[in-house]
């Protein structure tokens, strides 16, 4: 990706989103040519000159101090994920042409201990994924929950390809639009954190080429942290389920995270997870587990 264009479009989109009224600025008389803040207004809010702010929005973040990045984040009302993304973009700008400290290498396979941990979680779906949103390992309930995704022969199973290429996703996610929005925002964040990941760039290119829905969302430059929340699934075997989720980055396994979907004890979804566990004790899920593990 063109890094300067990425910076330019991200900052311009965030500036265009915030109105003078939201920023506490009197818009004044006359017709405004922009719906959001003007560059001079954003510069004033950040406490920098218009020339300096213009330089930043043209994509030049090299050498920008943390205090200026924080001031820009406040001026544009960036949330935590957007603030982190700005830092990621600045880090990449500062790496250009400079010998930087090597980043931790991402292992091609997970440690056996992680699979043991997943298998020890018996009452909730759990899986490990990478920054490309591939499911690289799961427990039995995790495979069962995402069994629709595994109906495609491609391995590893990938959340993004499922959402944007597989018609089954429209049924599996009751709120498909939200699922698609979140997916793209997570990919945008991960692309900022991993600008040299060729496979991630290839995935984004494939999605952009094949899906108008993805391309439209990608152009919005939204980013998102996705560590806890609530999701709905319409599973073909047990129907509608509403599951909380917790996700953690695996510090000793760079590039991987683990997600667990526990149900509220005694809730209708808790009972449906029990039904899903019974359904999962079939030859189909056993074969699925073997096929995925071998890929």
Foldseek 3Di string as FASTA:
>chain_A
DPLLVLQLLQLVLLQLVAACVNQVHDPDDDDDPGRGDDLCQLCVQLVHHSVVSVCRNSRQLAPPDPSSLVSSCVSSVPDPLSSVLSVLSSVVNNPVPNDDDDDDDFDPADDVVVQVVQQVPQQWKKFKAFLLQFGQHTYLLVCLLVVVQVVDVDPRRHLQCCLFPPPVNCQFAVCSLVSLLQVLQSLLSSCSNCVPPVVSVVSLVVCCVPGPSSVVSNSSSHHDDDAWDWGWTQRPQQGIAIWIKGKDQDPVRPRMIMMITHDDPPDPNSVSSVVSSVVSPDVVSVVSNVSSNVD
